[in-house]
Amino acid sequence: MIWWILKKLFKNLGRVTPEIYRSGQPGIFRLFVMLLIMRPKTRINLAYSPHLDEQDPREKKILDWLGIKYYAFAWGAAGPPNWSELDWVANLIDSSEKPVWIGCEGGLDRTGGLIARWKQCHGYQLEEIFLDWKYHGIPAWPWVEYLFIKKWENL
C-alpha cells in the first residue's frame, strides 16, 4: 500500500529489490524527498538531455555535491541508440554501489525496458516482468519487441 502511494506521489517510484529503485525524473522538491526515501549511492539517468531539460544539469549538480555517483544516458523512449548498450547498463546496475536509483523522464519506457532486461539477466520469470509492467506501465513497443521477439529470433 505504501509503495502505491509513493508511486503516485513520486512519478512512478518503485522498488525493484531492496537495493534497486526506479522512477521518473522528479522536480526539485520531490528530488530531495526521494533522496531521503531511497538514500541512493548511484543514479542512472536514462533520459539525459541537458540542453532540452533544465532539470538534468540541476539534478546532476545536486547529486555530485552529495557524493552520489551519476551516470547519464541519452536514450529515447523507444530504446537506446545502440541496443548493445542495454546489456552494458544492465551490468552497470550490478557493479554500482548500492542502493541504485534508475530512472528516465516518466519512469515507464526506458526504465521499464532496462528493468525488464536486468530481470531477464537474473533469471526472473516472465510473469514477474509482466507484473512489473502491469504495475508501472508497459514500455513502448520497440522495447517489448527487442526484449521478447528480436532478441530471441536467432536462437
N, C-alpha and C. Protein backbone atom coordinates (compact mmCIF):
# COMPACT_ATOMS: atom_id res chain seq x y z
N MET A 1 0.82 -1.20 0.00
CA MET A 1 0.00 0.00 0.00
C MET A 1 0.86 1.27 0.00
N ILE A 2 1.90 1.27 0.86
CA ILE A 2 2.75 2.45 0.93
C ILE A 2 3.46 2.72 -0.39
N TRP A 3 3.90 1.65 -1.10
CA TRP A 3 4.58 1.85 -2.37
C TRP A 3 3.63 2.36 -3.43
N TRP A 4 2.36 2.00 -3.36
CA TRP A 4 1.38 2.51 -4.32
C TRP A 4 1.24 4.02 -4.15
N ILE A 5 1.17 4.47 -2.90
CA ILE A 5 1.06 5.91 -2.62
C ILE A 5 2.32 6.63 -3.09
N LEU A 6 3.48 6.07 -2.77
CA LEU A 6 4.74 6.69 -3.21
C LEU A 6 4.84 6.72 -4.73
N LYS A 7 4.36 5.65 -5.39
CA LYS A 7 4.37 5.60 -6.86
C LYS A 7 3.57 6.76 -7.43
N LYS A 8 2.42 7.01 -6.87
CA LYS A 8 1.56 8.08 -7.37
C LYS A 8 2.14 9.47 -7.07
N LEU A 9 2.69 9.65 -5.89
CA LEU A 9 3.22 10.95 -5.50
C LEU A 9 4.56 11.29 -6.13
N PHE A 10 5.36 10.25 -6.42
CA PHE A 10 6.73 10.50 -6.84
C PHE A 10 7.05 9.90 -8.20
N LYS A 11 6.20 10.15 -9.16
CA LYS A 11 6.46 9.88 -10.57
C LYS A 11 6.92 8.45 -10.83
N ASN A 12 6.04 7.50 -10.53
CA ASN A 12 6.26 6.08 -10.84
C ASN A 12 7.40 5.47 -10.02
N LEU A 13 7.58 5.96 -8.81
CA LEU A 13 8.60 5.43 -7.90
C LEU A 13 8.26 4.00 -7.52
N GLY A 14 9.26 3.14 -7.52
CA GLY A 14 9.06 1.77 -7.09
C GLY A 14 10.37 1.14 -6.65
N ARG A 15 10.25 0.02 -5.96
CA ARG A 15 11.43 -0.71 -5.50
C ARG A 15 11.50 -2.02 -6.28
N VAL A 16 12.58 -2.22 -7.00
CA VAL A 16 12.81 -3.43 -7.79
C VAL A 16 13.32 -4.53 -6.86
N THR A 17 14.29 -4.19 -6.05
CA THR A 17 14.83 -5.05 -4.99
C THR A 17 15.08 -4.11 -3.81
N PRO A 18 15.46 -4.62 -2.66
CA PRO A 18 15.78 -3.72 -1.55
C PRO A 18 16.91 -2.73 -1.85
N GLU A 19 17.70 -2.99 -2.89
CA GLU A 19 18.82 -2.10 -3.22
C GLU A 19 18.71 -1.43 -4.59
N ILE A 20 17.60 -1.65 -5.29
CA ILE A 20 17.41 -1.04 -6.61
C ILE A 20 16.04 -0.38 -6.66
N TYR A 21 16.04 0.93 -6.99
CA TYR A 21 14.82 1.70 -7.10
C TYR A 21 14.65 2.20 -8.53
N ARG A 22 13.43 2.54 -8.88
CA ARG A 22 13.11 3.05 -10.21
C ARG A 22 12.13 4.21 -10.07
N SER A 23 12.16 5.12 -11.04
CA SER A 23 11.20 6.23 -11.03
C SER A 23 11.33 7.06 -12.29
N GLY A 24 10.45 8.02 -12.39
CA GLY A 24 10.59 9.08 -13.38
C GLY A 24 11.44 10.18 -12.75
N GLN A 25 11.69 11.23 -13.52
CA GLN A 25 12.51 12.32 -13.02
C GLN A 25 11.66 13.29 -12.20
N PRO A 26 12.05 13.49 -10.95
CA PRO A 26 11.26 14.37 -10.10
C PRO A 26 11.64 15.83 -10.29
N GLY A 27 10.77 16.71 -9.84
CA GLY A 27 11.13 18.12 -9.74
C GLY A 27 12.05 18.30 -8.54
N ILE A 28 12.43 19.52 -8.25
CA ILE A 28 13.43 19.78 -7.21
C ILE A 28 12.93 19.37 -5.82
N PHE A 29 11.71 19.68 -5.46
CA PHE A 29 11.19 19.30 -4.13
C PHE A 29 11.12 17.79 -3.99
N ARG A 30 10.53 17.14 -4.99
CA ARG A 30 10.41 15.68 -4.94
C ARG A 30 11.77 15.00 -4.95
N LEU A 31 12.75 15.61 -5.60
CA LEU A 31 14.09 15.05 -5.62
C LEU A 31 14.61 14.84 -4.21
N PHE A 32 14.50 15.87 -3.37
CA PHE A 32 15.03 15.76 -2.01
C PHE A 32 14.24 14.76 -1.17
N VAL A 33 12.94 14.70 -1.35
CA VAL A 33 12.14 13.70 -0.63
C VAL A 33 12.52 12.29 -1.08
N MET A 34 12.68 12.10 -2.41
CA MET A 34 13.06 10.78 -2.92
C MET A 34 14.45 10.39 -2.43
N LEU A 35 15.36 11.33 -2.33
CA LEU A 35 16.70 11.02 -1.81
C LEU A 35 16.62 10.54 -0.36
N LEU A 36 15.71 11.12 0.41
CA LEU A 36 15.52 10.66 1.79
C LEU A 36 14.92 9.26 1.85
N ILE A 37 14.02 8.96 0.92
CA ILE A 37 13.38 7.64 0.89
C ILE A 37 14.38 6.56 0.45
N MET A 38 15.09 6.81 -0.64
CA MET A 38 15.95 5.79 -1.25
C MET A 38 17.37 5.77 -0.70
N ARG A 39 17.91 6.92 -0.37
CA ARG A 39 19.31 7.05 0.04
C ARG A 39 20.27 6.42 -0.97
N PRO A 40 20.13 6.79 -2.26
CA PRO A 40 20.95 6.13 -3.29
C PRO A 40 22.42 6.53 -3.19
N LYS A 41 23.26 5.61 -3.64
CA LYS A 41 24.68 5.90 -3.78
C LYS A 41 25.03 6.02 -5.26
N THR A 42 24.11 5.54 -6.13
CA THR A 42 24.31 5.61 -7.58
C THR A 42 23.00 6.02 -8.23
N ARG A 43 23.08 6.90 -9.22
CA ARG A 43 21.92 7.31 -10.01
C ARG A 43 22.21 7.02 -11.47
N ILE A 44 21.28 6.32 -12.13
CA ILE A 44 21.38 6.05 -13.56
C ILE A 44 20.22 6.76 -14.23
N ASN A 45 20.52 7.84 -14.96
CA ASN A 45 19.52 8.63 -15.67
C ASN A 45 19.55 8.21 -17.14
N LEU A 46 18.45 7.64 -17.60
CA LEU A 46 18.38 7.12 -18.97
C LEU A 46 17.87 8.14 -19.98
N ALA A 47 17.49 9.32 -19.52
CA ALA A 47 16.92 10.33 -20.42
C ALA A 47 17.66 11.65 -20.31
N TYR A 48 18.98 11.59 -20.21
CA TYR A 48 19.78 12.78 -20.01
C TYR A 48 19.75 13.66 -21.26
N SER A 49 19.29 14.88 -21.07
CA SER A 49 19.19 15.82 -22.17
C SER A 49 19.39 17.24 -21.62
N PRO A 50 20.62 17.60 -21.25
CA PRO A 50 20.85 18.86 -20.55
C PRO A 50 20.50 20.11 -21.34
N HIS A 51 20.46 20.01 -22.66
CA HIS A 51 20.14 21.19 -23.47
C HIS A 51 18.64 21.38 -23.63
N LEU A 52 17.87 20.32 -23.41
CA LEU A 52 16.42 20.40 -23.56
C LEU A 52 15.67 20.36 -22.23
N ASP A 53 16.29 19.82 -21.21
CA ASP A 53 15.62 19.64 -19.92
C ASP A 53 16.46 20.27 -18.83
N GLU A 54 16.00 21.39 -18.30
CA GLU A 54 16.79 22.11 -17.29
C GLU A 54 16.94 21.32 -15.98
N GLN A 55 16.10 20.32 -15.77
CA GLN A 55 16.22 19.50 -14.55
C GLN A 55 17.49 18.66 -14.56
N ASP A 56 17.92 18.20 -15.73
CA ASP A 56 19.07 17.30 -15.80
C ASP A 56 20.35 17.89 -15.20
N PRO A 57 20.80 19.06 -15.63
CA PRO A 57 22.04 19.60 -15.05
C PRO A 57 21.88 19.92 -13.56
N ARG A 58 20.70 20.38 -13.16
CA ARG A 58 20.47 20.70 -11.75
C ARG A 58 20.54 19.42 -10.90
N GLU A 59 19.86 18.36 -11.36
CA GLU A 59 19.89 17.09 -10.63
C GLU A 59 21.32 16.56 -10.53
N LYS A 60 22.04 16.58 -11.65
CA LYS A 60 23.42 16.09 -11.66
C LYS A 60 24.28 16.88 -10.68
N LYS A 61 24.13 18.19 -10.67
CA LYS A 61 24.92 19.04 -9.78
C LYS A 61 24.63 18.72 -8.31
N ILE A 62 23.36 18.55 -7.98
CA ILE A 62 22.97 18.23 -6.59
C ILE A 62 23.53 16.87 -6.19
N LEU A 63 23.37 15.88 -7.06
CA LEU A 63 23.84 14.54 -6.72
C LEU A 63 25.36 14.48 -6.64
N ASP A 64 26.04 15.18 -7.53
CA ASP A 64 27.51 15.25 -7.45
C ASP A 64 27.92 15.87 -6.11
N TRP A 65 27.24 16.95 -5.71
CA TRP A 65 27.54 17.64 -4.45
C TRP A 65 27.32 16.70 -3.26
N LEU A 66 26.32 15.82 -3.35
CA LEU A 66 26.03 14.87 -2.27
C LEU A 66 26.90 13.62 -2.33
N GLY A 67 27.76 13.51 -3.35
CA GLY A 67 28.65 12.36 -3.48
C GLY A 67 27.98 11.12 -4.05
N ILE A 68 26.88 11.32 -4.76
CA ILE A 68 26.16 10.21 -5.39
C ILE A 68 26.67 10.07 -6.82
N LYS A 69 27.16 8.88 -7.15
CA LYS A 69 27.69 8.61 -8.50
C LYS A 69 26.56 8.77 -9.50
N TYR A 70 26.83 9.50 -10.58
CA TYR A 70 25.80 9.84 -11.56
C TYR A 70 26.21 9.34 -12.95
N TYR A 71 25.35 8.49 -13.53
CA TYR A 71 25.56 8.03 -14.91
C TYR A 71 24.43 8.57 -15.76
N ALA A 72 24.77 9.10 -16.92
CA ALA A 72 23.77 9.71 -17.79
C ALA A 72 23.81 9.07 -19.17
N PHE A 73 22.63 8.71 -19.67
CA PHE A 73 22.46 8.12 -20.99
C PHE A 73 21.35 8.86 -21.72
N ALA A 74 21.57 9.16 -22.98
CA ALA A 74 20.59 9.90 -23.79
C ALA A 74 19.76 8.93 -24.62
N TRP A 75 18.99 8.09 -23.95
CA TRP A 75 18.12 7.14 -24.64
C TRP A 75 16.79 7.79 -24.96
N GLY A 76 16.21 7.41 -26.09
CA GLY A 76 14.86 7.83 -26.40
C GLY A 76 13.86 6.86 -25.78
N ALA A 77 12.61 7.24 -25.76
CA ALA A 77 11.58 6.36 -25.18
C ALA A 77 11.50 5.03 -25.91
N ALA A 78 11.91 5.00 -27.18
CA ALA A 78 11.84 3.77 -27.98
C ALA A 78 13.09 2.90 -27.82
N GLY A 79 14.04 3.33 -26.99
CA GLY A 79 15.21 2.49 -26.75
C GLY A 79 16.51 3.23 -26.90
N PRO A 80 17.60 2.57 -26.56
CA PRO A 80 18.92 3.19 -26.70
C PRO A 80 19.31 3.32 -28.17
N PRO A 81 20.22 4.23 -28.48
CA PRO A 81 20.66 4.37 -29.87
C PRO A 81 21.30 3.09 -30.41
N ASN A 82 21.90 2.32 -29.51
CA ASN A 82 22.51 1.04 -29.87
C ASN A 82 22.07 0.03 -28.81
N TRP A 83 21.37 -1.01 -29.24
CA TRP A 83 20.81 -1.97 -28.29
C TRP A 83 21.87 -2.70 -27.48
N SER A 84 23.11 -2.77 -27.96
CA SER A 84 24.16 -3.43 -27.18
C SER A 84 24.44 -2.67 -25.88
N GLU A 85 24.13 -1.39 -25.87
CA GLU A 85 24.31 -0.58 -24.67
C GLU A 85 23.39 -1.04 -23.54
N LEU A 86 22.27 -1.66 -23.90
CA LEU A 86 21.31 -2.12 -22.90
C LEU A 86 21.94 -3.11 -21.93
N ASP A 87 22.64 -4.11 -22.43
CA ASP A 87 23.27 -5.09 -21.55
C ASP A 87 24.41 -4.46 -20.74
N TRP A 88 25.10 -3.51 -21.32
CA TRP A 88 26.16 -2.82 -20.59
C TRP A 88 25.58 -2.11 -19.37
N VAL A 89 24.44 -1.42 -19.56
CA VAL A 89 23.82 -0.70 -18.44
C VAL A 89 23.19 -1.67 -17.44
N ALA A 90 22.64 -2.78 -17.92
CA ALA A 90 22.12 -3.80 -17.01
C ALA A 90 23.25 -4.31 -16.11
N ASN A 91 24.44 -4.50 -16.67
CA ASN A 91 25.60 -4.92 -15.86
C ASN A 91 26.07 -3.81 -14.93
N LEU A 92 25.91 -2.56 -15.37
CA LEU A 92 26.28 -1.41 -14.55
C LEU A 92 25.46 -1.41 -13.25
N ILE A 93 24.21 -1.80 -13.34
CA ILE A 93 23.36 -1.87 -12.14
C ILE A 93 24.03 -2.78 -11.10
N ASP A 94 24.50 -3.93 -11.55
CA ASP A 94 25.10 -4.90 -10.63
C ASP A 94 26.44 -4.42 -10.07
N SER A 95 27.22 -3.73 -10.87
CA SER A 95 28.56 -3.33 -10.43
C SER A 95 28.58 -2.01 -9.67
N SER A 96 27.46 -1.29 -9.65
CA SER A 96 27.41 0.01 -8.99
C SER A 96 27.21 -0.13 -7.48
N GLU A 97 27.65 0.89 -6.78
CA GLU A 97 27.44 0.93 -5.34
C GLU A 97 25.94 1.08 -5.06
N LYS A 98 25.44 0.33 -4.11
CA LYS A 98 24.02 0.30 -3.80
C LYS A 98 23.72 1.20 -2.61
N PRO A 99 22.48 1.66 -2.54
CA PRO A 99 21.36 1.49 -3.45
C PRO A 99 21.55 2.26 -4.76
N VAL A 100 20.93 1.69 -5.80
CA VAL A 100 20.95 2.28 -7.14
C VAL A 100 19.56 2.81 -7.46
N TRP A 101 19.52 4.01 -8.03
CA TRP A 101 18.25 4.63 -8.46
C TRP A 101 18.32 4.78 -9.98
N ILE A 102 17.38 4.12 -10.65
CA ILE A 102 17.31 4.14 -12.11
C ILE A 102 16.07 4.92 -12.53
N GLY A 103 16.19 5.75 -13.55
CA GLY A 103 15.01 6.47 -14.00
C GLY A 103 15.21 7.15 -15.32
N CYS A 104 14.08 7.60 -15.85
CA CYS A 104 14.05 8.38 -17.07
C CYS A 104 13.02 9.49 -16.85
N GLU A 105 12.51 10.08 -17.88
CA GLU A 105 11.58 11.19 -17.72
C GLU A 105 10.31 10.77 -16.96
N GLY A 106 9.65 9.71 -17.41
CA GLY A 106 8.41 9.29 -16.77
C GLY A 106 8.50 8.00 -15.99
N GLY A 107 9.64 7.32 -16.05
CA GLY A 107 9.81 6.07 -15.33
C GLY A 107 9.06 4.91 -15.96
N LEU A 108 8.79 5.00 -17.25
CA LEU A 108 7.97 3.99 -17.91
C LEU A 108 8.76 3.23 -18.99
N ASP A 109 9.04 3.87 -20.11
CA ASP A 109 9.62 3.18 -21.27
C ASP A 109 11.06 2.74 -21.03
N ARG A 110 11.97 3.69 -20.93
CA ARG A 110 13.38 3.37 -20.77
C ARG A 110 13.63 2.61 -19.46
N THR A 111 13.04 3.11 -18.39
CA THR A 111 13.23 2.46 -17.09
C THR A 111 12.60 1.07 -17.08
N GLY A 112 11.38 0.96 -17.56
CA GLY A 112 10.71 -0.34 -17.60
C GLY A 112 11.42 -1.34 -18.49
N GLY A 113 11.96 -0.87 -19.61
CA GLY A 113 12.70 -1.75 -20.50
C GLY A 113 14.01 -2.22 -19.88
N LEU A 114 14.75 -1.30 -19.27
CA LEU A 114 16.01 -1.67 -18.64
C LEU A 114 15.77 -2.63 -17.47
N ILE A 115 14.78 -2.35 -16.66
CA ILE A 115 14.48 -3.23 -15.52
C ILE A 115 14.09 -4.62 -16.04
N ALA A 116 13.32 -4.68 -17.12
CA ALA A 116 12.95 -5.98 -17.69
C ALA A 116 14.19 -6.73 -18.15
N ARG A 117 15.11 -6.04 -18.81
CA ARG A 117 16.34 -6.70 -19.27
C ARG A 117 17.18 -7.17 -18.08
N TRP A 118 17.29 -6.33 -17.06
CA TRP A 118 18.03 -6.72 -15.86
C TRP A 118 17.41 -7.98 -15.24
N LYS A 119 16.08 -8.01 -15.19
CA LYS A 119 15.40 -9.18 -14.63
C LYS A 119 15.62 -10.42 -15.51
N GLN A 120 15.60 -10.25 -16.83
CA GLN A 120 15.90 -11.38 -17.71
C GLN A 120 17.28 -11.95 -17.40
N CYS A 121 18.25 -11.06 -17.23
CA CYS A 121 19.63 -11.49 -16.96
C CYS A 121 19.76 -12.20 -15.62
N HIS A 122 18.83 -11.95 -14.72
CA HIS A 122 18.88 -12.54 -13.38
C HIS A 122 17.88 -13.68 -13.19
N GLY A 123 17.33 -14.19 -14.30
CA GLY A 123 16.50 -15.38 -14.22
C GLY A 123 15.09 -15.19 -13.71
N TYR A 124 14.60 -13.97 -13.71
CA TYR A 124 13.22 -13.74 -13.31
C TYR A 124 12.28 -14.39 -14.33
N GLN A 125 11.17 -14.87 -13.88
CA GLN A 125 10.17 -15.46 -14.76
C GLN A 125 9.44 -14.35 -15.52
N LEU A 126 8.91 -14.69 -16.70
CA LEU A 126 8.15 -13.71 -17.50
C LEU A 126 7.02 -13.09 -16.70
N GLU A 127 6.35 -13.89 -15.89
CA GLU A 127 5.23 -13.39 -15.10
C GLU A 127 5.66 -12.25 -14.18
N GLU A 128 6.87 -12.35 -13.62
CA GLU A 128 7.37 -11.31 -12.73
C GLU A 128 7.66 -10.02 -13.50
N ILE A 129 8.19 -10.17 -14.70
CA ILE A 129 8.45 -8.99 -15.53
C ILE A 129 7.13 -8.34 -15.93
N PHE A 130 6.16 -9.14 -16.33
CA PHE A 130 4.88 -8.59 -16.76
C PHE A 130 4.10 -7.99 -15.60
N LEU A 131 4.25 -8.52 -14.41
CA LEU A 131 3.60 -7.92 -13.24
C LEU A 131 4.17 -6.53 -12.98
N ASP A 132 5.49 -6.39 -13.15
CA ASP A 132 6.13 -5.09 -13.00
C ASP A 132 5.56 -4.11 -14.03
N TRP A 133 5.40 -4.57 -15.27
CA TRP A 133 4.84 -3.71 -16.31
C TRP A 133 3.38 -3.39 -16.03
N LYS A 134 2.65 -4.33 -15.49
CA LYS A 134 1.25 -4.07 -15.15
C LYS A 134 1.16 -2.96 -14.10
N TYR A 135 2.07 -2.98 -13.17
CA TYR A 135 2.07 -2.01 -12.08
C TYR A 135 2.60 -0.65 -12.50
N HIS A 136 3.71 -0.63 -13.25
CA HIS A 136 4.37 0.63 -13.62
C HIS A 136 4.06 1.10 -15.03
N GLY A 137 3.48 0.24 -15.86
CA GLY A 137 3.18 0.59 -17.24
C GLY A 137 4.05 -0.19 -18.21
N ILE A 138 3.46 -0.51 -19.35
CA ILE A 138 4.17 -1.27 -20.38
C ILE A 138 5.01 -0.31 -21.22
N PRO A 139 6.30 -0.62 -21.41
CA PRO A 139 7.15 0.25 -22.22
C PRO A 139 6.68 0.31 -23.68
N ALA A 140 7.22 1.27 -24.40
CA ALA A 140 6.92 1.42 -25.82
C ALA A 140 7.23 0.12 -26.57
N TRP A 141 6.54 -0.10 -27.68
CA TRP A 141 6.65 -1.35 -28.43
C TRP A 141 8.09 -1.75 -28.79
N PRO A 142 8.99 -0.85 -29.19
CA PRO A 142 10.34 -1.30 -29.53
C PRO A 142 11.03 -2.05 -28.38
N TRP A 143 10.73 -1.67 -27.15
CA TRP A 143 11.29 -2.40 -26.00
C TRP A 143 10.74 -3.81 -25.95
N VAL A 144 9.44 -3.94 -26.06
CA VAL A 144 8.79 -5.26 -26.00
C VAL A 144 9.30 -6.13 -27.14
N GLU A 145 9.36 -5.55 -28.32
CA GLU A 145 9.83 -6.29 -29.49
C GLU A 145 11.27 -6.77 -29.30
N TYR A 146 12.15 -5.87 -28.83
CA TYR A 146 13.55 -6.26 -28.66
C TYR A 146 13.69 -7.32 -27.57
N LEU A 147 13.08 -7.11 -26.43
CA LEU A 147 13.28 -8.00 -25.28
C LEU A 147 12.66 -9.37 -25.46
N PHE A 148 11.54 -9.44 -26.20
CA PHE A 148 10.82 -10.71 -26.25
C PHE A 148 10.63 -11.30 -27.64
N ILE A 149 11.06 -10.58 -28.67
CA ILE A 149 10.92 -11.13 -30.03
C ILE A 149 12.27 -11.14 -30.72
N LYS A 150 12.83 -9.97 -31.04
CA LYS A 150 14.06 -9.90 -31.82
C LYS A 150 15.25 -10.53 -31.11
N LYS A 151 15.34 -10.34 -29.81
CA LYS A 151 16.49 -10.86 -29.05
C LYS A 151 16.59 -12.38 -29.19
N TRP A 152 15.45 -13.04 -29.36
CA TRP A 152 15.43 -14.49 -29.34
C TRP A 152 15.18 -15.10 -30.72
N GLU A 153 15.00 -14.30 -31.76
CA GLU A 153 14.72 -14.81 -33.10
C GLU A 153 15.83 -15.72 -33.63
N ASN A 154 17.06 -15.38 -33.35
CA ASN A 154 18.19 -16.11 -33.94
C ASN A 154 18.66 -17.29 -33.10
N LEU A 155 17.97 -17.58 -32.02
CA LEU A 155 18.39 -18.74 -31.19
C LEU A 155 17.94 -20.03 -31.78
